[in-house]
Amino acid sequence: MSETIHRTTWKVSGMTCGHCEKAVSDELSALPGVTSVRARAGEGLVTVESDRPLEETSVRAAVDEAGYELVGPA
């Protein structure tokens, strides 16, 4: 039985350093189904892997909670 992995890259505004990456990663990691998060402040991108599709509203709320703005899918 193979498990489907959903991978989405999002554009995030306002990340400038490692602390920013950690804040965004921590919030996104708490979403149900998320298995991996890779934030890249220099590019303003965050890649999320999950075992189910994620709603953009949930991703937006998590990024907002971290203090940044979700621009949308990259």
PDB file of N, CA and C in Angstrom:
ATOM      1  N   MET A   1       0.846  -1.177   0.000  1.00  0.00           N
ATOM      2  CA  MET A   1       0.000   0.000   0.000  1.00  0.00           C
ATOM      3  C   MET A   1       0.895   1.245   0.000  1.00  0.00           C
ATOM      4  N   SER A   2       0.732   2.076  -1.005  1.00  0.00           N
ATOM      5  CA  SER A   2       1.541   3.289  -1.065  1.00  0.00           C
ATOM      6  C   SER A   2       0.758   4.471  -0.523  1.00  0.00           C
ATOM      7  N   GLU A   3       1.468   5.334   0.137  1.00  0.00           N
ATOM      8  CA  GLU A   3       0.853   6.516   0.734  1.00  0.00           C
ATOM      9  C   GLU A   3       1.138   7.716  -0.163  1.00  0.00           C
ATOM     10  N   THR A   4       0.095   8.461  -0.494  1.00  0.00           N
ATOM     11  CA  THR A   4       0.261   9.641  -1.330  1.00  0.00           C
ATOM     12  C   THR A   4       0.797  10.792  -0.499  1.00  0.00           C
ATOM     13  N   ILE A   5       1.814  11.447  -1.026  1.00  0.00           N
ATOM     14  CA  ILE A   5       2.362  12.627  -0.363  1.00  0.00           C
ATOM     15  C   ILE A   5       1.980  13.838  -1.198  1.00  0.00           C
ATOM     16  N   HIS A   6       1.394  14.805  -0.553  1.00  0.00           N
ATOM     17  CA  HIS A   6       1.015  16.056  -1.200  1.00  0.00           C
ATOM     18  C   HIS A   6       2.090  17.085  -0.878  1.00  0.00           C
ATOM     19  N   ARG A   7       2.691  17.661  -1.925  1.00  0.00           N
ATOM     20  CA  ARG A   7       3.755  18.650  -1.739  1.00  0.00           C
ATOM     21  C   ARG A   7       3.313  19.952  -2.405  1.00  0.00           C
ATOM     22  N   THR A   8       3.299  21.024  -1.640  1.00  0.00           N
ATOM     23  CA  THR A   8       2.912  22.331  -2.167  1.00  0.00           C
ATOM     24  C   THR A   8       3.929  23.363  -1.707  1.00  0.00           C
ATOM     25  N   THR A   9       4.308  24.240  -2.610  1.00  0.00           N
ATOM     26  CA  THR A   9       5.208  25.337  -2.270  1.00  0.00           C
ATOM     27  C   THR A   9       4.402  26.624  -2.278  1.00  0.00           C
ATOM     28  N   TRP A  10       4.572  27.403  -1.211  1.00  0.00           N
ATOM     29  CA  TRP A  10       3.826  28.642  -1.013  1.00  0.00           C
ATOM     30  C   TRP A  10       4.783  29.821  -0.966  1.00  0.00           C
ATOM     31  N   LYS A  11       4.332  30.943  -1.441  1.00  0.00           N
ATOM     32  CA  LYS A  11       5.087  32.204  -1.349  1.00  0.00           C
ATOM     33  C   LYS A  11       4.660  32.888  -0.056  1.00  0.00           C
ATOM     34  N   VAL A  12       5.648  33.246   0.778  1.00  0.00           N
ATOM     35  CA  VAL A  12       5.384  33.897   2.061  1.00  0.00           C
ATOM     36  C   VAL A  12       6.147  35.216   2.104  1.00  0.00           C
ATOM     37  N   SER A  13       5.458  36.276   2.442  1.00  0.00           N
ATOM     38  CA  SER A  13       6.052  37.607   2.508  1.00  0.00           C
ATOM     39  C   SER A  13       6.500  37.924   3.930  1.00  0.00           C
ATOM     40  N   GLY A  14       7.700  38.506   4.053  1.00  0.00           N
ATOM     41  CA  GLY A  14       8.167  38.991   5.350  1.00  0.00           C
ATOM     42  C   GLY A  14       9.230  38.154   6.023  1.00  0.00           C
ATOM     43  N   MET A  15       9.498  36.930   5.525  1.00  0.00           N
ATOM     44  CA  MET A  15      10.543  36.111   6.139  1.00  0.00           C
ATOM     45  C   MET A  15      11.907  36.653   5.733  1.00  0.00           C
ATOM     46  N   THR A  16      12.779  36.888   6.727  1.00  0.00           N
ATOM     47  CA  THR A  16      14.098  37.442   6.421  1.00  0.00           C
ATOM     48  C   THR A  16      15.261  36.676   7.052  1.00  0.00           C
ATOM     49  N   CYS A  17      14.967  35.726   7.950  1.00  0.00           N
ATOM     50  CA  CYS A  17      16.062  35.079   8.680  1.00  0.00           C
ATOM     51  C   CYS A  17      15.656  33.684   9.151  1.00  0.00           C
ATOM     52  N   GLY A  18      16.592  33.018   9.805  1.00  0.00           N
ATOM     53  CA  GLY A  18      16.338  31.689  10.341  1.00  0.00           C
ATOM     54  C   GLY A  18      15.227  31.666  11.375  1.00  0.00           C
ATOM     55  N   HIS A  19      15.131  32.720  12.181  1.00  0.00           N
ATOM     56  CA  HIS A  19      14.054  32.798  13.171  1.00  0.00           C
ATOM     57  C   HIS A  19      12.699  32.827  12.464  1.00  0.00           C
ATOM     58  N   CYS A  20      12.622  33.579  11.375  1.00  0.00           N
ATOM     59  CA  CYS A  20      11.384  33.653  10.585  1.00  0.00           C
ATOM     60  C   CYS A  20      11.024  32.266  10.055  1.00  0.00           C
ATOM     61  N   GLU A  21      12.026  31.574   9.509  1.00  0.00           N
ATOM     62  CA  GLU A  21      11.798  30.232   8.975  1.00  0.00           C
ATOM     63  C   GLU A  21      11.256  29.303  10.051  1.00  0.00           C
ATOM     64  N   LYS A  22      11.839  29.375  11.255  1.00  0.00           N
ATOM     65  CA  LYS A  22      11.401  28.502  12.352  1.00  0.00           C
ATOM     66  C   LYS A  22       9.980  28.832  12.782  1.00  0.00           C
ATOM     67  N   ALA A  23       9.650  30.109  12.882  1.00  0.00           N
ATOM     68  CA  ALA A  23       8.306  30.509  13.307  1.00  0.00           C
ATOM     69  C   ALA A  23       7.253  29.987  12.330  1.00  0.00           C
ATOM     70  N   VAL A  24       7.506  30.157  11.042  1.00  0.00           N
ATOM     71  CA  VAL A  24       6.561  29.683  10.025  1.00  0.00           C
ATOM     72  C   VAL A  24       6.504  28.156  10.032  1.00  0.00           C
ATOM     73  N   SER A  25       7.658  27.508  10.105  1.00  0.00           N
ATOM     74  CA  SER A  25       7.713  26.043  10.115  1.00  0.00           C
ATOM     75  C   SER A  25       6.974  25.457  11.305  1.00  0.00           C
ATOM     76  N   ASP A  26       7.163  26.047  12.477  1.00  0.00           N
ATOM     77  CA  ASP A  26       6.495  25.541  13.681  1.00  0.00           C
ATOM     78  C   ASP A  26       4.981  25.609  13.545  1.00  0.00           C
ATOM     79  N   GLU A  27       4.467  26.728  13.047  1.00  0.00           N
ATOM     80  CA  GLU A  27       3.011  26.880  12.897  1.00  0.00           C
ATOM     81  C   GLU A  27       2.460  25.908  11.854  1.00  0.00           C
ATOM     82  N   LEU A  28       3.142  25.790  10.724  1.00  0.00           N
ATOM     83  CA  LEU A  28       2.657  24.890   9.674  1.00  0.00           C
ATOM     84  C   LEU A  28       2.769  23.427  10.092  1.00  0.00           C
ATOM     85  N   SER A  29       3.802  23.084  10.850  1.00  0.00           N
ATOM     86  CA  SER A  29       3.980  21.706  11.311  1.00  0.00           C
ATOM     87  C   SER A  29       2.849  21.254  12.220  1.00  0.00           C
ATOM     88  N   ALA A  30       2.176  22.199  12.854  1.00  0.00           N
ATOM     89  CA  ALA A  30       1.082  21.871  13.769  1.00  0.00           C
ATOM     90  C   ALA A  30      -0.223  21.547  13.037  1.00  0.00           C
ATOM     91  N   LEU A  31      -0.282  21.804  11.733  1.00  0.00           N
ATOM     92  CA  LEU A  31      -1.504  21.505  10.984  1.00  0.00           C
ATOM     93  C   LEU A  31      -1.672  19.995  10.843  1.00  0.00           C
ATOM     94  N   PRO A  32      -2.896  19.491  10.966  1.00  0.00           N
ATOM     95  CA  PRO A  32      -3.136  18.054  10.816  1.00  0.00           C
ATOM     96  C   PRO A  32      -2.687  17.549   9.445  1.00  0.00           C
ATOM     97  N   GLY A  33      -1.942  16.452   9.458  1.00  0.00           N
ATOM     98  CA  GLY A  33      -1.509  15.821   8.224  1.00  0.00           C
ATOM     99  C   GLY A  33      -0.157  16.262   7.713  1.00  0.00           C
ATOM    100  N   VAL A  34       0.386  17.361   8.252  1.00  0.00           N
ATOM    101  CA  VAL A  34       1.676  17.865   7.771  1.00  0.00           C
ATOM    102  C   VAL A  34       2.792  16.944   8.260  1.00  0.00           C
ATOM    103  N   THR A  35       3.635  16.522   7.322  1.00  0.00           N
ATOM    104  CA  THR A  35       4.735  15.619   7.659  1.00  0.00           C
ATOM    105  C   THR A  35       6.105  16.278   7.534  1.00  0.00           C
ATOM    106  N   SER A  36       6.189  17.374   6.767  1.00  0.00           N
ATOM    107  CA  SER A  36       7.471  18.043   6.561  1.00  0.00           C
ATOM    108  C   SER A  36       7.235  19.486   6.136  1.00  0.00           C
ATOM    109  N   VAL A  37       8.097  20.382   6.642  1.00  0.00           N
ATOM    110  CA  VAL A  37       8.040  21.794   6.248  1.00  0.00           C
ATOM    111  C   VAL A  37       9.465  22.262   5.998  1.00  0.00           C
ATOM    112  N   ARG A  38       9.671  22.938   4.881  1.00  0.00           N
ATOM    113  CA  ARG A  38      10.985  23.530   4.582  1.00  0.00           C
ATOM    114  C   ARG A  38      10.762  24.979   4.183  1.00  0.00           C
ATOM    115  N   ALA A  39      11.154  25.891   5.062  1.00  0.00           N
ATOM    116  CA  ALA A  39      11.025  27.325   4.794  1.00  0.00           C
ATOM    117  C   ALA A  39      12.364  27.873   4.330  1.00  0.00           C
ATOM    118  N   ARG A  40      12.325  28.748   3.329  1.00  0.00           N
ATOM    119  CA  ARG A  40      13.532  29.361   2.783  1.00  0.00           C
ATOM    120  C   ARG A  40      13.322  30.869   2.741  1.00  0.00           C
ATOM    121  N   ALA A  41      13.825  31.551   3.761  1.00  0.00           N
ATOM    122  CA  ALA A  41      13.614  32.996   3.893  1.00  0.00           C
ATOM    123  C   ALA A  41      14.181  33.767   2.708  1.00  0.00           C
ATOM    124  N   GLY A  42      15.355  33.384   2.234  1.00  0.00           N
ATOM    125  CA  GLY A  42      15.997  34.093   1.133  1.00  0.00           C
ATOM    126  C   GLY A  42      15.171  34.101  -0.139  1.00  0.00           C
ATOM    127  N   GLU A  43      14.378  33.058  -0.316  1.00  0.00           N
ATOM    128  CA  GLU A  43      13.532  32.943  -1.503  1.00  0.00           C
ATOM    129  C   GLU A  43      12.090  33.345  -1.213  1.00  0.00           C
ATOM    130  N   GLY A  44      11.752  33.452   0.075  1.00  0.00           N
ATOM    131  CA  GLY A  44      10.375  33.751   0.447  1.00  0.00           C
ATOM    132  C   GLY A  44       9.435  32.600   0.149  1.00  0.00           C
ATOM    133  N   LEU A  45       9.957  31.377   0.267  1.00  0.00           N
ATOM    134  CA  LEU A  45       9.163  30.197  -0.059  1.00  0.00           C
ATOM    135  C   LEU A  45       9.115  29.227   1.111  1.00  0.00           C
ATOM    136  N   VAL A  46       8.028  28.484   1.178  1.00  0.00           N
ATOM    137  CA  VAL A  46       7.917  27.401   2.144  1.00  0.00           C
ATOM    138  C   VAL A  46       7.262  26.217   1.431  1.00  0.00           C
ATOM    139  N   THR A  47       7.905  25.052   1.546  1.00  0.00           N
ATOM    140  CA  THR A  47       7.377  23.838   0.935  1.00  0.00           C
ATOM    141  C   THR A  47       6.829  22.955   2.042  1.00  0.00           C
ATOM    142  N   VAL A  48       5.590  22.527   1.857  1.00  0.00           N
ATOM    143  CA  VAL A  48       4.903  21.723   2.856  1.00  0.00           C
ATOM    144  C   VAL A  48       4.561  20.370   2.245  1.00  0.00           C
ATOM    145  N   GLU A  49       4.896  19.301   2.959  1.00  0.00           N
ATOM    146  CA  GLU A  49       4.488  17.960   2.565  1.00  0.00           C
ATOM    147  C   GLU A  49       3.471  17.482   3.579  1.00  0.00           C
ATOM    148  N   SER A  50       2.424  16.831   3.072  1.00  0.00           N
ATOM    149  CA  SER A  50       1.366  16.352   3.957  1.00  0.00           C
ATOM    150  C   SER A  50       0.779  15.059   3.409  1.00  0.00           C
ATOM    151  N   ASP A  51       0.089  14.338   4.276  1.00  0.00           N
ATOM    152  CA  ASP A  51      -0.529  13.090   3.849  1.00  0.00           C
ATOM    153  C   ASP A  51      -1.935  13.309   3.293  1.00  0.00           C
ATOM    154  N   ARG A  52      -2.342  14.560   3.179  1.00  0.00           N
ATOM    155  CA  ARG A  52      -3.644  14.933   2.613  1.00  0.00           C
ATOM    156  C   ARG A  52      -3.529  16.337   2.036  1.00  0.00           C
ATOM    157  N   PRO A  53      -4.409  16.699   1.126  1.00  0.00           N
ATOM    158  CA  PRO A  53      -4.380  18.074   0.616  1.00  0.00           C
ATOM    159  C   PRO A  53      -4.675  19.064   1.743  1.00  0.00           C
ATOM    160  N   LEU A  54      -4.010  20.205   1.715  1.00  0.00           N
ATOM    161  CA  LEU A  54      -4.233  21.239   2.728  1.00  0.00           C
ATOM    162  C   LEU A  54      -5.075  22.362   2.138  1.00  0.00           C
ATOM    163  N   GLU A  55      -5.989  22.867   2.931  1.00  0.00           N
ATOM    164  CA  GLU A  55      -6.794  24.013   2.519  1.00  0.00           C
ATOM    165  C   GLU A  55      -5.937  25.272   2.613  1.00  0.00           C
ATOM    166  N   GLU A  56      -6.017  26.123   1.615  1.00  0.00           N
ATOM    167  CA  GLU A  56      -5.244  27.362   1.635  1.00  0.00           C
ATOM    168  C   GLU A  56      -5.606  28.215   2.845  1.00  0.00           C
ATOM    169  N   THR A  57      -6.873  28.173   3.269  1.00  0.00           N
ATOM    170  CA  THR A  57      -7.280  28.977   4.430  1.00  0.00           C
ATOM    171  C   THR A  57      -6.551  28.529   5.694  1.00  0.00           C
ATOM    172  N   SER A  58      -6.319  27.227   5.840  1.00  0.00           N
ATOM    173  CA  SER A  58      -5.589  26.713   7.007  1.00  0.00           C
ATOM    174  C   SER A  58      -4.125  27.128   6.965  1.00  0.00           C
ATOM    175  N   VAL A  59      -3.534  27.041   5.780  1.00  0.00           N
ATOM    176  CA  VAL A  59      -2.134  27.443   5.617  1.00  0.00           C
ATOM    177  C   VAL A  59      -2.004  28.940   5.886  1.00  0.00           C
ATOM    178  N   ARG A  60      -2.936  29.720   5.347  1.00  0.00           N
ATOM    179  CA  ARG A  60      -2.917  31.174   5.546  1.00  0.00           C
ATOM    180  C   ARG A  60      -3.018  31.518   7.037  1.00  0.00           C
ATOM    181  N   ALA A  61      -3.911  30.844   7.762  1.00  0.00           N
ATOM    182  CA  ALA A  61      -4.088  31.113   9.192  1.00  0.00           C
ATOM    183  C   ALA A  61      -2.813  30.785   9.969  1.00  0.00           C
ATOM    184  N   ALA A  62      -2.148  29.686   9.623  1.00  0.00           N
ATOM    185  CA  ALA A  62      -0.913  29.302  10.313  1.00  0.00           C
ATOM    186  C   ALA A  62       0.200  30.315  10.047  1.00  0.00           C
ATOM    187  N   VAL A  63       0.329  30.742   8.794  1.00  0.00           N
ATOM    188  CA  VAL A  63       1.360  31.727   8.443  1.00  0.00           C
ATOM    189  C   VAL A  63       1.060  33.060   9.129  1.00  0.00           C
ATOM    190  N   ASP A  64      -0.208  33.454   9.151  1.00  0.00           N
ATOM    191  CA  ASP A  64      -0.613  34.686   9.847  1.00  0.00           C
ATOM    192  C   ASP A  64      -0.272  34.606  11.332  1.00  0.00           C
ATOM    193  N   GLU A  65      -0.528  33.454  11.936  1.00  0.00           N
ATOM    194  CA  GLU A  65      -0.247  33.255  13.362  1.00  0.00           C
ATOM    195  C   GLU A  65       1.245  33.423  13.649  1.00  0.00           C
ATOM    196  N   ALA A  66       2.073  33.032  12.687  1.00  0.00           N
ATOM    197  CA  ALA A  66       3.527  33.182  12.842  1.00  0.00           C
ATOM    198  C   ALA A  66       3.973  34.628  12.639  1.00  0.00           C
ATOM    199  N   GLY A  67       3.070  35.463  12.119  1.00  0.00           N
ATOM    200  CA  GLY A  67       3.395  36.877  11.939  1.00  0.00           C
ATOM    201  C   GLY A  67       3.808  37.263  10.526  1.00  0.00           C
ATOM    202  N   TYR A  68       3.472  36.412   9.558  1.00  0.00           N
ATOM    203  CA  TYR A  68       3.862  36.662   8.174  1.00  0.00           C
ATOM    204  C   TYR A  68       2.627  36.590   7.282  1.00  0.00           C
ATOM    205  N   GLU A  69       2.817  36.903   5.991  1.00  0.00           N
ATOM    206  CA  GLU A  69       1.688  36.928   5.072  1.00  0.00           C
ATOM    207  C   GLU A  69       1.855  35.874   3.987  1.00  0.00           C
ATOM    208  N   LEU A  70       0.830  35.038   3.835  1.00  0.00           N
ATOM    209  CA  LEU A  70       0.814  34.070   2.751  1.00  0.00           C
ATOM    210  C   LEU A  70       0.379  34.789   1.481  1.00  0.00           C
ATOM    211  N   VAL A  71       1.245  34.781   0.471  1.00  0.00           N
ATOM    212  CA  VAL A  71       0.925  35.417  -0.802  1.00  0.00           C
ATOM    213  C   VAL A  71       0.063  34.474  -1.635  1.00  0.00           C
ATOM    214  N   GLY A  72       0.393  33.183  -1.597  1.00  0.00           N
ATOM    215  CA  GLY A  72      -0.353  32.174  -2.346  1.00  0.00           C
ATOM    216  C   GLY A  72       0.579  31.081  -2.816  1.00  0.00           C
ATOM    217  N   PRO A  73       0.052  30.154  -3.623  1.00  0.00           N
ATOM    218  CA  PRO A  73       0.908  29.089  -4.149  1.00  0.00           C
ATOM    219  C   PRO A  73       2.027  29.671  -5.007  1.00  0.00           C
ATOM    220  N   ALA A  74       3.204  29.078  -4.907  1.00  0.00           N
ATOM    221  CA  ALA A  74       4.360  29.566  -5.690  1.00  0.00           C
ATOM    222  C   ALA A  74       4.360  28.930  -7.063  1.00  0.00           C
TER     223      ALA A  74
END
